[in-house]
Protein backbone atom coordinates (compact mmCIF):
# COMPACT_ATOMS: atom_id res chain seq x y z
CA MET A 1 24.10 -3.05 76.92
CA PHE A 2 23.50 -6.86 78.04
CA ASN A 3 23.11 -8.99 75.21
CA GLU A 4 20.65 -11.87 75.75
CA LYS A 5 21.75 -15.39 74.85
CA LEU A 6 20.00 -16.88 71.76
CA THR A 7 18.24 -19.94 73.00
CA TYR A 8 16.33 -23.07 71.59
CA ILE A 9 14.52 -25.92 73.16
CA VAL A 10 15.31 -29.18 71.62
CA ASP A 11 11.70 -30.74 70.22
CA ARG A 12 13.14 -33.72 68.57
CA ILE A 13 15.84 -35.24 66.41
CA GLU A 14 15.34 -36.38 62.62
CA GLU A 15 18.46 -37.85 60.97
CA ASN A 16 20.81 -35.11 60.83
CA LEU A 17 18.67 -32.29 61.61
CA VAL A 18 17.38 -31.25 65.29
CA VAL A 19 14.44 -29.67 65.36
CA CYS A 20 14.01 -27.15 67.76
CA GLU A 21 11.85 -24.23 69.12
CA ASN A 22 12.74 -20.65 70.17
CA LYS A 23 11.12 -18.43 72.59
CA GLN A 24 8.77 -16.94 70.32
CA GLY A 25 7.61 -20.42 69.22
CA ASP A 26 9.19 -20.54 65.73
CA ILE A 27 10.40 -24.16 64.80
CA ILE A 28 13.79 -24.09 63.21
CA ASN A 29 15.85 -26.91 62.16
CA ILE A 30 19.47 -27.02 62.96
CA ALA A 31 22.24 -29.29 61.25
CA SER A 32 23.60 -31.84 63.97
CA GLU A 33 27.06 -30.91 62.78
CA LYS A 34 26.47 -27.50 64.07
CA ILE A 35 25.99 -28.53 67.74
CA ASN A 36 28.78 -29.22 70.27
CA GLY A 37 27.70 -32.55 71.81
CA LYS A 38 24.96 -34.86 71.48
CA PRO A 39 21.64 -33.15 72.46
CA LYS A 40 18.56 -34.77 73.59
CA ASP A 41 14.75 -33.88 73.45
CA GLY A 42 14.17 -30.97 75.95
CA ASP A 43 17.90 -29.99 76.15
CA VAL A 44 18.55 -26.18 75.81
CA LEU A 45 20.87 -24.91 73.14
CA VAL A 46 22.73 -21.59 72.90
CA GLU A 47 23.72 -20.03 69.57
CA GLU A 48 27.28 -18.22 69.47
CA GLU A 49 28.59 -17.26 66.23
CA ASN A 50 26.47 -19.67 64.21
CA LEU A 51 27.36 -22.57 66.21
CA PHE A 52 25.33 -24.07 69.14
CA TYR A 53 26.10 -25.65 72.28
CA ILE A 54 23.95 -27.45 75.11
CA ASP A 55 23.60 -25.41 78.32
CA ASP A 56 23.59 -27.93 81.02
CA GLU A 57 22.53 -25.23 83.51
CA LEU A 58 19.52 -24.09 81.68
CA THR A 59 18.50 -27.38 80.73
CA LYS A 60 18.51 -28.59 84.51
CA LYS A 61 16.81 -25.36 85.26
CA ARG A 62 13.90 -25.83 82.84
CA ARG A 63 13.53 -29.42 83.80
CA ARG A 64 13.25 -28.40 87.37
CA GLU A 65 10.48 -25.79 86.41
CA ILE A 66 8.88 -28.47 84.24
CA GLU A 67 8.89 -31.00 87.55
CA PHE A 68 7.44 -28.34 89.88
CA LEU A 69 4.67 -27.43 87.55
CA MET A 70 3.59 -31.20 87.15
CA LYS A 71 3.92 -31.89 90.90
CA GLY A 72 0.66 -33.12 92.06
CA MET A 73 -1.01 -33.12 88.62
CA TRP A 74 -1.95 -36.76 88.84
CA GLU A 75 -2.23 -37.12 92.54
């Protein structure tokens, strides 16, 4: 059976915590030392074995989708 990745969107960074939101809208705090790399607001994090990494492809896809939805909003 296909095992879907657990993903989180970085909402903000507060000192040593990265505040994220999951697909259900729940907010979780992740200790920055559990994340491989330096996350930025809007990055997509993937959880594997209680550690997290930034998924560049999912982040780019998400940003393109947001740009598409916002296209023409202020024209």
